[in-house]
Amino acid sequence: MDHTAYKQGQHRLVINNRETLEVTGVIHVDSFDDEEVMLETEQGLLAIRGEDLHIKQLNLEKGEMSIEGLILELAYSDDKRFRDRGKGFFDRLFK
């Protein structure tokens, strides 16, 4: 991952061959398992769905995260109320 200085308000996703995902602008990780990672970013809530997902690297001070596994879907939501609902919202979104 590019370790240049993270500037607040910036957000970037880099997907390599649907096997690795690098994210900047990460504020908070709400939940994660091997099929879904939910996090708050500078651009809203982000759900990452896939198979055999693993958090390879996480540095909240720099706002950086790296995930390995098969990336299947990404979805954003600007409504922070959905964080409290957890997977229910995103399960409906991805059906």
PDB file of N, CA and C in Angstrom:
ATOM      1  N   MET A   1       0.842  -1.179   0.000  1.00  0.00           N
ATOM      2  CA  MET A   1       0.000   0.000   0.000  1.00  0.00           C
ATOM      3  C   MET A   1       0.880   1.233   0.000  1.00  0.00           C
ATOM      4  N   ASP A   2       0.461   2.229  -0.719  1.00  0.00           N
ATOM      5  CA  ASP A   2       1.185   3.491  -0.773  1.00  0.00           C
ATOM      6  C   ASP A   2       1.125   4.147   0.601  1.00  0.00           C
ATOM      7  N   HIS A   3       2.266   4.398   1.209  1.00  0.00           N
ATOM      8  CA  HIS A   3       2.295   4.930   2.570  1.00  0.00           C
ATOM      9  C   HIS A   3       2.525   6.434   2.593  1.00  0.00           C
ATOM     10  N   THR A   4       2.084   7.129   1.535  1.00  0.00           N
ATOM     11  CA  THR A   4       2.161   8.579   1.560  1.00  0.00           C
ATOM     12  C   THR A   4       1.214   9.095   2.630  1.00  0.00           C
ATOM     13  N   ALA A   5       1.442  10.303   3.053  1.00  0.00           N
ATOM     14  CA  ALA A   5       0.642  10.874   4.138  1.00  0.00           C
ATOM     15  C   ALA A   5      -0.839  10.899   3.765  1.00  0.00           C
ATOM     16  N   TYR A   6      -1.662  10.399   4.644  1.00  0.00           N
ATOM     17  CA  TYR A   6      -3.105  10.385   4.466  1.00  0.00           C
ATOM     18  C   TYR A   6      -3.651  11.759   4.812  1.00  0.00           C
ATOM     19  N   LYS A   7      -4.461  12.296   3.922  1.00  0.00           N
ATOM     20  CA  LYS A   7      -5.080  13.594   4.168  1.00  0.00           C
ATOM     21  C   LYS A   7      -6.548  13.371   4.498  1.00  0.00           C
ATOM     22  N   GLN A   8      -6.988  13.945   5.598  1.00  0.00           N
ATOM     23  CA  GLN A   8      -8.367  13.796   6.016  1.00  0.00           C
ATOM     24  C   GLN A   8      -9.309  14.241   4.897  1.00  0.00           C
ATOM     25  N   GLY A   9     -10.350  13.458   4.678  1.00  0.00           N
ATOM     26  CA  GLY A   9     -11.318  13.769   3.644  1.00  0.00           C
ATOM     27  C   GLY A   9     -11.090  13.011   2.359  1.00  0.00           C
ATOM     28  N   GLN A  10      -9.920  12.400   2.198  1.00  0.00           N
ATOM     29  CA  GLN A  10      -9.632  11.653   0.982  1.00  0.00           C
ATOM     30  C   GLN A  10      -9.965  10.181   1.165  1.00  0.00           C
ATOM     31  N   HIS A  11     -10.395   9.571   0.068  1.00  0.00           N
ATOM     32  CA  HIS A  11     -10.773   8.163   0.101  1.00  0.00           C
ATOM     33  C   HIS A  11     -10.404   7.552  -1.235  1.00  0.00           C
ATOM     34  N   ARG A  12      -9.792   6.377  -1.180  1.00  0.00           N
ATOM     35  CA  ARG A  12      -9.376   5.700  -2.406  1.00  0.00           C
ATOM     36  C   ARG A  12      -9.536   4.196  -2.242  1.00  0.00           C
ATOM     37  N   LEU A  13      -9.971   3.543  -3.313  1.00  0.00           N
ATOM     38  CA  LEU A  13     -10.045   2.085  -3.378  1.00  0.00           C
ATOM     39  C   LEU A  13      -9.168   1.614  -4.523  1.00  0.00           C
ATOM     40  N   VAL A  14      -8.369   0.590  -4.278  1.00  0.00           N
ATOM     41  CA  VAL A  14      -7.580  -0.039  -5.334  1.00  0.00           C
ATOM     42  C   VAL A  14      -7.829  -1.536  -5.237  1.00  0.00           C
ATOM     43  N   ILE A  15      -8.385  -2.107  -6.306  1.00  0.00           N
ATOM     44  CA  ILE A  15      -8.654  -3.542  -6.355  1.00  0.00           C
ATOM     45  C   ILE A  15      -7.700  -4.156  -7.367  1.00  0.00           C
ATOM     46  N   ASN A  16      -6.993  -5.191  -6.946  1.00  0.00           N
ATOM     47  CA  ASN A  16      -6.066  -5.902  -7.820  1.00  0.00           C
ATOM     48  C   ASN A  16      -6.601  -7.303  -8.095  1.00  0.00           C
ATOM     49  N   ASN A  17      -7.021  -7.544  -9.338  1.00  0.00           N
ATOM     50  CA  ASN A  17      -7.478  -8.860  -9.785  1.00  0.00           C
ATOM     51  C   ASN A  17      -8.571  -9.458  -8.900  1.00  0.00           C
ATOM     52  N   ARG A  18      -9.375  -8.614  -8.273  1.00  0.00           N
ATOM     53  CA  ARG A  18     -10.445  -9.042  -7.370  1.00  0.00           C
ATOM     54  C   ARG A  18      -9.943  -9.905  -6.218  1.00  0.00           C
ATOM     55  N   GLU A  19      -8.621  -9.861  -5.947  1.00  0.00           N
ATOM     56  CA  GLU A  19      -8.022 -10.674  -4.886  1.00  0.00           C
ATOM     57  C   GLU A  19      -7.508  -9.842  -3.724  1.00  0.00           C
ATOM     58  N   THR A  20      -7.176  -8.585  -3.967  1.00  0.00           N
ATOM     59  CA  THR A  20      -6.744  -7.697  -2.890  1.00  0.00           C
ATOM     60  C   THR A  20      -7.437  -6.351  -3.054  1.00  0.00           C
ATOM     61  N   LEU A  21      -7.708  -5.726  -1.942  1.00  0.00           N
ATOM     62  CA  LEU A  21      -8.358  -4.421  -1.925  1.00  0.00           C
ATOM     63  C   LEU A  21      -7.607  -3.536  -0.942  1.00  0.00           C
ATOM     64  N   GLU A  22      -7.168  -2.385  -1.411  1.00  0.00           N
ATOM     65  CA  GLU A  22      -6.529  -1.399  -0.559  1.00  0.00           C
ATOM     66  C   GLU A  22      -7.459  -0.206  -0.446  1.00  0.00           C
ATOM     67  N   VAL A  23      -7.705   0.237   0.786  1.00  0.00           N
ATOM     68  CA  VAL A  23      -8.654   1.316   1.047  1.00  0.00           C
ATOM     69  C   VAL A  23      -7.955   2.384   1.872  1.00  0.00           C
ATOM     70  N   THR A  24      -8.123   3.653   1.475  1.00  0.00           N
ATOM     71  CA  THR A  24      -7.690   4.763   2.313  1.00  0.00           C
ATOM     72  C   THR A  24      -8.931   5.564   2.697  1.00  0.00           C
ATOM     73  N   GLY A  25      -8.797   6.380   3.697  1.00  0.00           N
ATOM     74  CA  GLY A  25      -9.936   7.155   4.182  1.00  0.00           C
ATOM     75  C   GLY A  25     -10.814   6.356   5.121  1.00  0.00           C
ATOM     76  N   VAL A  26     -10.253   5.311   5.729  1.00  0.00           N
ATOM     77  CA  VAL A  26     -10.998   4.473   6.667  1.00  0.00           C
ATOM     78  C   VAL A  26     -11.045   5.168   8.022  1.00  0.00           C
ATOM     79  N   ILE A  27     -12.244   5.312   8.559  1.00  0.00           N
ATOM     80  CA  ILE A  27     -12.427   5.947   9.862  1.00  0.00           C
ATOM     81  C   ILE A  27     -12.618   4.898  10.952  1.00  0.00           C
ATOM     82  N   HIS A  28     -13.422   3.876  10.652  1.00  0.00           N
ATOM     83  CA  HIS A  28     -13.794   2.891  11.661  1.00  0.00           C
ATOM     84  C   HIS A  28     -14.227   1.604  10.973  1.00  0.00           C
ATOM     85  N   VAL A  29     -13.862   0.456  11.537  1.00  0.00           N
ATOM     86  CA  VAL A  29     -14.354  -0.836  11.055  1.00  0.00           C
ATOM     87  C   VAL A  29     -15.517  -1.234  11.946  1.00  0.00           C
ATOM     88  N   ASP A  30     -16.716  -1.347  11.337  1.00  0.00           N
ATOM     89  CA  ASP A  30     -17.906  -1.691  12.107  1.00  0.00           C
ATOM     90  C   ASP A  30     -17.990  -3.179  12.392  1.00  0.00           C
ATOM     91  N   SER A  31     -17.722  -4.009  11.391  1.00  0.00           N
ATOM     92  CA  SER A  31     -17.770  -5.456  11.576  1.00  0.00           C
ATOM     93  C   SER A  31     -17.019  -6.128  10.445  1.00  0.00           C
ATOM     94  N   PHE A  32     -16.633  -7.370  10.689  1.00  0.00           N
ATOM     95  CA  PHE A  32     -15.971  -8.125   9.632  1.00  0.00           C
ATOM     96  C   PHE A  32     -16.072  -9.619   9.919  1.00  0.00           C
ATOM     97  N   ASP A  33     -16.158 -10.382   8.851  1.00  0.00           N
ATOM     98  CA  ASP A  33     -16.020 -11.826   8.896  1.00  0.00           C
ATOM     99  C   ASP A  33     -15.492 -12.257   7.532  1.00  0.00           C
ATOM    100  N   ASP A  34     -15.488 -13.545   7.243  1.00  0.00           N
ATOM    101  CA  ASP A  34     -14.871 -14.001   5.995  1.00  0.00           C
ATOM    102  C   ASP A  34     -15.733 -13.747   4.758  1.00  0.00           C
ATOM    103  N   GLU A  35     -16.957 -13.208   4.947  1.00  0.00           N
ATOM    104  CA  GLU A  35     -17.824 -12.912   3.813  1.00  0.00           C
ATOM    105  C   GLU A  35     -18.169 -11.435   3.665  1.00  0.00           C
ATOM    106  N   GLU A  36     -17.965 -10.630   4.718  1.00  0.00           N
ATOM    107  CA  GLU A  36     -18.343  -9.227   4.651  1.00  0.00           C
ATOM    108  C   GLU A  36     -17.504  -8.386   5.602  1.00  0.00           C
ATOM    109  N   VAL A  37     -17.080  -7.229   5.106  1.00  0.00           N
ATOM    110  CA  VAL A  37     -16.401  -6.229   5.930  1.00  0.00           C
ATOM    111  C   VAL A  37     -17.211  -4.950   5.793  1.00  0.00           C
ATOM    112  N   MET A  38     -17.635  -4.376   6.928  1.00  0.00           N
ATOM    113  CA  MET A  38     -18.377  -3.119   6.931  1.00  0.00           C
ATOM    114  C   MET A  38     -17.525  -2.073   7.629  1.00  0.00           C
ATOM    115  N   LEU A  39     -17.328  -0.937   6.947  1.00  0.00           N
ATOM    116  CA  LEU A  39     -16.508   0.098   7.546  1.00  0.00           C
ATOM    117  C   LEU A  39     -17.028   1.477   7.201  1.00  0.00           C
ATOM    118  N   GLU A  40     -16.654   2.417   8.037  1.00  0.00           N
ATOM    119  CA  GLU A  40     -16.986   3.816   7.801  1.00  0.00           C
ATOM    120  C   GLU A  40     -15.784   4.468   7.146  1.00  0.00           C
ATOM    121  N   THR A  41     -16.033   5.151   6.027  1.00  0.00           N
ATOM    122  CA  THR A  41     -14.963   5.839   5.308  1.00  0.00           C
ATOM    123  C   THR A  41     -15.289   7.329   5.238  1.00  0.00           C
ATOM    124  N   GLU A  42     -14.371   8.086   4.715  1.00  0.00           N
ATOM    125  CA  GLU A  42     -14.573   9.525   4.527  1.00  0.00           C
ATOM    126  C   GLU A  42     -15.716   9.804   3.552  1.00  0.00           C
ATOM    127  N   GLN A  43     -16.098   8.819   2.727  1.00  0.00           N
ATOM    128  CA  GLN A  43     -17.151   8.994   1.734  1.00  0.00           C
ATOM    129  C   GLN A  43     -18.431   8.239   2.089  1.00  0.00           C
ATOM    130  N   GLY A  44     -18.552   7.774   3.319  1.00  0.00           N
ATOM    131  CA  GLY A  44     -19.756   7.077   3.756  1.00  0.00           C
ATOM    132  C   GLY A  44     -19.457   5.657   4.187  1.00  0.00           C
ATOM    133  N   LEU A  45     -20.511   4.950   4.556  1.00  0.00           N
ATOM    134  CA  LEU A  45     -20.373   3.562   4.963  1.00  0.00           C
ATOM    135  C   LEU A  45     -20.111   2.699   3.736  1.00  0.00           C
ATOM    136  N   LEU A  46     -19.251   1.708   3.884  1.00  0.00           N
ATOM    137  CA  LEU A  46     -18.873   0.841   2.777  1.00  0.00           C
ATOM    138  C   LEU A  46     -18.987  -0.608   3.220  1.00  0.00           C
ATOM    139  N   ALA A  47     -19.715  -1.399   2.435  1.00  0.00           N
ATOM    140  CA  ALA A  47     -19.796  -2.841   2.649  1.00  0.00           C
ATOM    141  C   ALA A  47     -19.010  -3.523   1.548  1.00  0.00           C
ATOM    142  N   ILE A  48     -18.136  -4.421   1.953  1.00  0.00           N
ATOM    143  CA  ILE A  48     -17.331  -5.200   1.017  1.00  0.00           C
ATOM    144  C   ILE A  48     -17.744  -6.651   1.219  1.00  0.00           C
ATOM    145  N   ARG A  49     -18.210  -7.287   0.158  1.00  0.00           N
ATOM    146  CA  ARG A  49     -18.623  -8.685   0.262  1.00  0.00           C
ATOM    147  C   ARG A  49     -17.742  -9.539  -0.623  1.00  0.00           C
ATOM    148  N   GLY A  50     -17.518 -10.760  -0.164  1.00  0.00           N
ATOM    149  CA  GLY A  50     -16.692 -11.674  -0.927  1.00  0.00           C
ATOM    150  C   GLY A  50     -16.596 -13.025  -0.261  1.00  0.00           C
ATOM    151  N   GLU A  51     -15.546 -13.745  -0.594  1.00  0.00           N
ATOM    152  CA  GLU A  51     -15.301 -15.076  -0.039  1.00  0.00           C
ATOM    153  C   GLU A  51     -13.891 -15.118   0.529  1.00  0.00           C
ATOM    154  N   ASP A  52     -13.744 -15.771   1.667  1.00  0.00           N
ATOM    155  CA  ASP A  52     -12.440 -15.920   2.328  1.00  0.00           C
ATOM    156  C   ASP A  52     -11.755 -14.575   2.540  1.00  0.00           C
ATOM    157  N   LEU A  53     -12.510 -13.574   2.973  1.00  0.00           N
ATOM    158  CA  LEU A  53     -11.952 -12.241   3.217  1.00  0.00           C
ATOM    159  C   LEU A  53     -11.138 -12.228   4.503  1.00  0.00           C
ATOM    160  N   HIS A  54      -9.980 -11.597   4.429  1.00  0.00           N
ATOM    161  CA  HIS A  54      -9.100 -11.451   5.589  1.00  0.00           C
ATOM    162  C   HIS A  54      -8.551 -10.033   5.583  1.00  0.00           C
ATOM    163  N   ILE A  55      -8.535  -9.409   6.750  1.00  0.00           N
ATOM    164  CA  ILE A  55      -7.911  -8.101   6.876  1.00  0.00           C
ATOM    165  C   ILE A  55      -6.412  -8.329   7.003  1.00  0.00           C
ATOM    166  N   LYS A  56      -5.694  -7.923   5.980  1.00  0.00           N
ATOM    167  CA  LYS A  56      -4.243  -8.115   5.946  1.00  0.00           C
ATOM    168  C   LYS A  56      -3.533  -7.029   6.738  1.00  0.00           C
ATOM    169  N   GLN A  57      -4.041  -5.794   6.630  1.00  0.00           N
ATOM    170  CA  GLN A  57      -3.409  -4.662   7.293  1.00  0.00           C
ATOM    171  C   GLN A  57      -4.489  -3.661   7.676  1.00  0.00           C
ATOM    172  N   LEU A  58      -4.369  -3.070   8.870  1.00  0.00           N
ATOM    173  CA  LEU A  58      -5.295  -2.033   9.316  1.00  0.00           C
ATOM    174  C   LEU A  58      -4.521  -1.023  10.139  1.00  0.00           C
ATOM    175  N   ASN A  59      -4.608   0.241   9.723  1.00  0.00           N
ATOM    176  CA  ASN A  59      -3.975   1.327  10.455  1.00  0.00           C
ATOM    177  C   ASN A  59      -4.956   2.491  10.462  1.00  0.00           C
ATOM    178  N   LEU A  60      -5.731   2.615  11.539  1.00  0.00           N
ATOM    179  CA  LEU A  60      -6.740   3.667  11.609  1.00  0.00           C
ATOM    180  C   LEU A  60      -6.125   5.050  11.769  1.00  0.00           C
ATOM    181  N   GLU A  61      -4.926   5.141  12.338  1.00  0.00           N
ATOM    182  CA  GLU A  61      -4.265   6.448  12.439  1.00  0.00           C
ATOM    183  C   GLU A  61      -3.990   7.018  11.055  1.00  0.00           C
ATOM    184  N   LYS A  62      -3.602   6.166  10.117  1.00  0.00           N
ATOM    185  CA  LYS A  62      -3.353   6.594   8.742  1.00  0.00           C
ATOM    186  C   LYS A  62      -4.594   6.454   7.866  1.00  0.00           C
ATOM    187  N   GLY A  63      -5.641   5.787   8.390  1.00  0.00           N
ATOM    188  CA  GLY A  63      -6.852   5.586   7.610  1.00  0.00           C
ATOM    189  C   GLY A  63      -6.687   4.556   6.511  1.00  0.00           C
ATOM    190  N   GLU A  64      -5.824   3.551   6.724  1.00  0.00           N
ATOM    191  CA  GLU A  64      -5.508   2.569   5.693  1.00  0.00           C
ATOM    192  C   GLU A  64      -5.955   1.171   6.093  1.00  0.00           C
ATOM    193  N   MET A  65      -6.389   0.430   5.073  1.00  0.00           N
ATOM    194  CA  MET A  65      -6.788  -0.955   5.290  1.00  0.00           C
ATOM    195  C   MET A  65      -6.482  -1.748   4.031  1.00  0.00           C
ATOM    196  N   SER A  66      -6.078  -2.996   4.212  1.00  0.00           N
ATOM    197  CA  SER A  66      -5.820  -3.896   3.101  1.00  0.00           C
ATOM    198  C   SER A  66      -6.550  -5.205   3.378  1.00  0.00           C
ATOM    199  N   ILE A  67      -7.281  -5.684   2.374  1.00  0.00           N
ATOM    200  CA  ILE A  67      -8.087  -6.906   2.510  1.00  0.00           C
ATOM    201  C   ILE A  67      -7.680  -7.883   1.419  1.00  0.00           C
ATOM    202  N   GLU A  68      -7.592  -9.163   1.778  1.00  0.00           N
ATOM    203  CA  GLU A  68      -7.331 -10.231   0.815  1.00  0.00           C
ATOM    204  C   GLU A  68      -8.533 -11.154   0.755  1.00  0.00           C
ATOM    205  N   GLY A  69      -8.738 -11.775  -0.387  1.00  0.00           N
ATOM    206  CA  GLY A  69      -9.828 -12.721  -0.590  1.00  0.00           C
ATOM    207  C   GLY A  69     -10.461 -12.451  -1.940  1.00  0.00           C
ATOM    208  N   LEU A  70     -11.529 -13.145  -2.248  1.00  0.00           N
ATOM    209  CA  LEU A  70     -12.234 -12.926  -3.507  1.00  0.00           C
ATOM    210  C   LEU A  70     -13.249 -11.810  -3.310  1.00  0.00           C
ATOM    211  N   ILE A  71     -13.028 -10.662  -3.958  1.00  0.00           N
ATOM    212  CA  ILE A  71     -13.912  -9.503  -3.842  1.00  0.00           C
ATOM    213  C   ILE A  71     -15.071  -9.693  -4.806  1.00  0.00           C
ATOM    214  N   LEU A  72     -16.299  -9.709  -4.279  1.00  0.00           N
ATOM    215  CA  LEU A  72     -17.485  -9.905  -5.111  1.00  0.00           C
ATOM    216  C   LEU A  72     -18.300  -8.631  -5.281  1.00  0.00           C
ATOM    217  N   GLU A  73     -18.480  -7.845  -4.202  1.00  0.00           N
ATOM    218  CA  GLU A  73     -19.357  -6.676  -4.261  1.00  0.00           C
ATOM    219  C   GLU A  73     -18.867  -5.581  -3.334  1.00  0.00           C
ATOM    220  N   LEU A  74     -19.130  -4.334  -3.752  1.00  0.00           N
ATOM    221  CA  LEU A  74     -18.885  -3.154  -2.921  1.00  0.00           C
ATOM    222  C   LEU A  74     -20.142  -2.300  -2.954  1.00  0.00           C
ATOM    223  N   ALA A  75     -20.538  -1.748  -1.821  1.00  0.00           N
ATOM    224  CA  ALA A  75     -21.704  -0.857  -1.793  1.00  0.00           C
ATOM    225  C   ALA A  75     -21.485   0.225  -0.752  1.00  0.00           C
ATOM    226  N   TYR A  76     -21.868   1.450  -1.122  1.00  0.00           N
ATOM    227  CA  TYR A  76     -21.781   2.594  -0.220  1.00  0.00           C
ATOM    228  C   TYR A  76     -23.165   2.989   0.267  1.00  0.00           C
ATOM    229  N   SER A  77     -23.201   3.583   1.461  1.00  0.00           N
ATOM    230  CA  SER A  77     -24.393   4.221   1.986  1.00  0.00           C
ATOM    231  C   SER A  77     -23.950   5.478   2.719  1.00  0.00           C
ATOM    232  N   ASP A  78     -24.652   6.581   2.489  1.00  0.00           N
ATOM    233  CA  ASP A  78     -24.338   7.814   3.196  1.00  0.00           C
ATOM    234  C   ASP A  78     -25.106   7.932   4.507  1.00  0.00           C
ATOM    235  N   ASP A  79     -26.097   7.081   4.702  1.00  0.00           N
ATOM    236  CA  ASP A  79     -26.962   7.169   5.867  1.00  0.00           C
ATOM    237  C   ASP A  79     -26.353   6.393   7.031  1.00  0.00           C
ATOM    238  N   LYS A  80     -25.841   7.114   8.025  1.00  0.00           N
ATOM    239  CA  LYS A  80     -25.166   6.477   9.158  1.00  0.00           C
ATOM    240  C   LYS A  80     -26.113   5.662  10.036  1.00  0.00           C
ATOM    241  N   ARG A  81     -27.415   5.849   9.881  1.00  0.00           N
ATOM    242  CA  ARG A  81     -28.362   5.033  10.653  1.00  0.00           C
ATOM    243  C   ARG A  81     -28.234   3.567  10.301  1.00  0.00           C
ATOM    244  N   PHE A  82     -27.786   3.267   9.096  1.00  0.00           N
ATOM    245  CA  PHE A  82     -27.693   1.880   8.666  1.00  0.00           C
ATOM    246  C   PHE A  82     -26.570   1.139   9.376  1.00  0.00           C
ATOM    247  N   ARG A  83     -25.594   1.854   9.935  1.00  0.00           N
ATOM    248  CA  ARG A  83     -24.539   1.190  10.696  1.00  0.00           C
ATOM    249  C   ARG A  83     -25.157   0.431  11.861  1.00  0.00           C
ATOM    250  N   ASP A  84     -26.152   1.024  12.518  1.00  0.00           N
ATOM    251  CA  ASP A  84     -26.791   0.376  13.656  1.00  0.00           C
ATOM    252  C   ASP A  84     -27.612  -0.832  13.239  1.00  0.00           C
ATOM    253  N   ARG A  85     -28.093  -0.825  12.031  1.00  0.00           N
ATOM    254  CA  ARG A  85     -28.867  -1.963  11.541  1.00  0.00           C
ATOM    255  C   ARG A  85     -27.979  -3.118  11.134  1.00  0.00           C
ATOM    256  N   GLY A  86     -26.706  -2.844  10.892  1.00  0.00           N
ATOM    257  CA  GLY A  86     -25.757  -3.898  10.559  1.00  0.00           C
ATOM    258  C   GLY A  86     -26.058  -4.561   9.246  1.00  0.00           C
ATOM    259  N   LYS A  87     -25.919  -5.866   9.230  1.00  0.00           N
ATOM    260  CA  LYS A  87     -26.016  -6.622   7.998  1.00  0.00           C
ATOM    261  C   LYS A  87     -27.404  -6.611   7.388  1.00  0.00           C
ATOM    262  N   GLY A  88     -28.439  -6.329   8.153  1.00  0.00           N
ATOM    263  CA  GLY A  88     -29.784  -6.348   7.612  1.00  0.00           C
ATOM    264  C   GLY A  88     -29.955  -5.467   6.390  1.00  0.00           C
ATOM    265  N   PHE A  89     -29.468  -4.249   6.469  1.00  0.00           N
ATOM    266  CA  PHE A  89     -29.563  -3.337   5.337  1.00  0.00           C
ATOM    267  C   PHE A  89     -28.795  -3.868   4.138  1.00  0.00           C
ATOM    268  N   PHE A  90     -27.567  -4.308   4.363  1.00  0.00           N
ATOM    269  CA  PHE A  90     -26.748  -4.741   3.250  1.00  0.00           C
ATOM    270  C   PHE A  90     -27.208  -6.091   2.701  1.00  0.00           C
ATOM    271  N   ASP A  91     -27.781  -6.946   3.531  1.00  0.00           N
ATOM    272  CA  ASP A  91     -28.357  -8.190   3.014  1.00  0.00           C
ATOM    273  C   ASP A  91     -29.473  -7.868   2.029  1.00  0.00           C
ATOM    274  N   ARG A  92     -30.333  -6.893   2.373  1.00  0.00           N
ATOM    275  CA  ARG A  92     -31.405  -6.506   1.461  1.00  0.00           C
ATOM    276  C   ARG A  92     -30.837  -5.844   0.201  1.00  0.00           C
ATOM    277  N   LEU A  93     -29.791  -5.075   0.360  1.00  0.00           N
ATOM    278  CA  LEU A  93     -29.185  -4.362  -0.763  1.00  0.00           C
ATOM    279  C   LEU A  93     -28.581  -5.337  -1.781  1.00  0.00           C
ATOM    280  N   PHE A  94     -27.969  -6.420  -1.294  1.00  0.00           N
ATOM    281  CA  PHE A  94     -27.259  -7.329  -2.191  1.00  0.00           C
ATOM    282  C   PHE A  94     -28.112  -8.463  -2.721  1.00  0.00           C
ATOM    283  N   LYS A  95     -29.389  -8.562  -2.332  1.00  0.00           N
ATOM    284  CA  LYS A  95     -30.242  -9.648  -2.834  1.00  0.00           C
ATOM    285  C   LYS A  95     -30.601  -9.433  -4.253  1.00  0.00           C
TER     286      LYS A  95
END
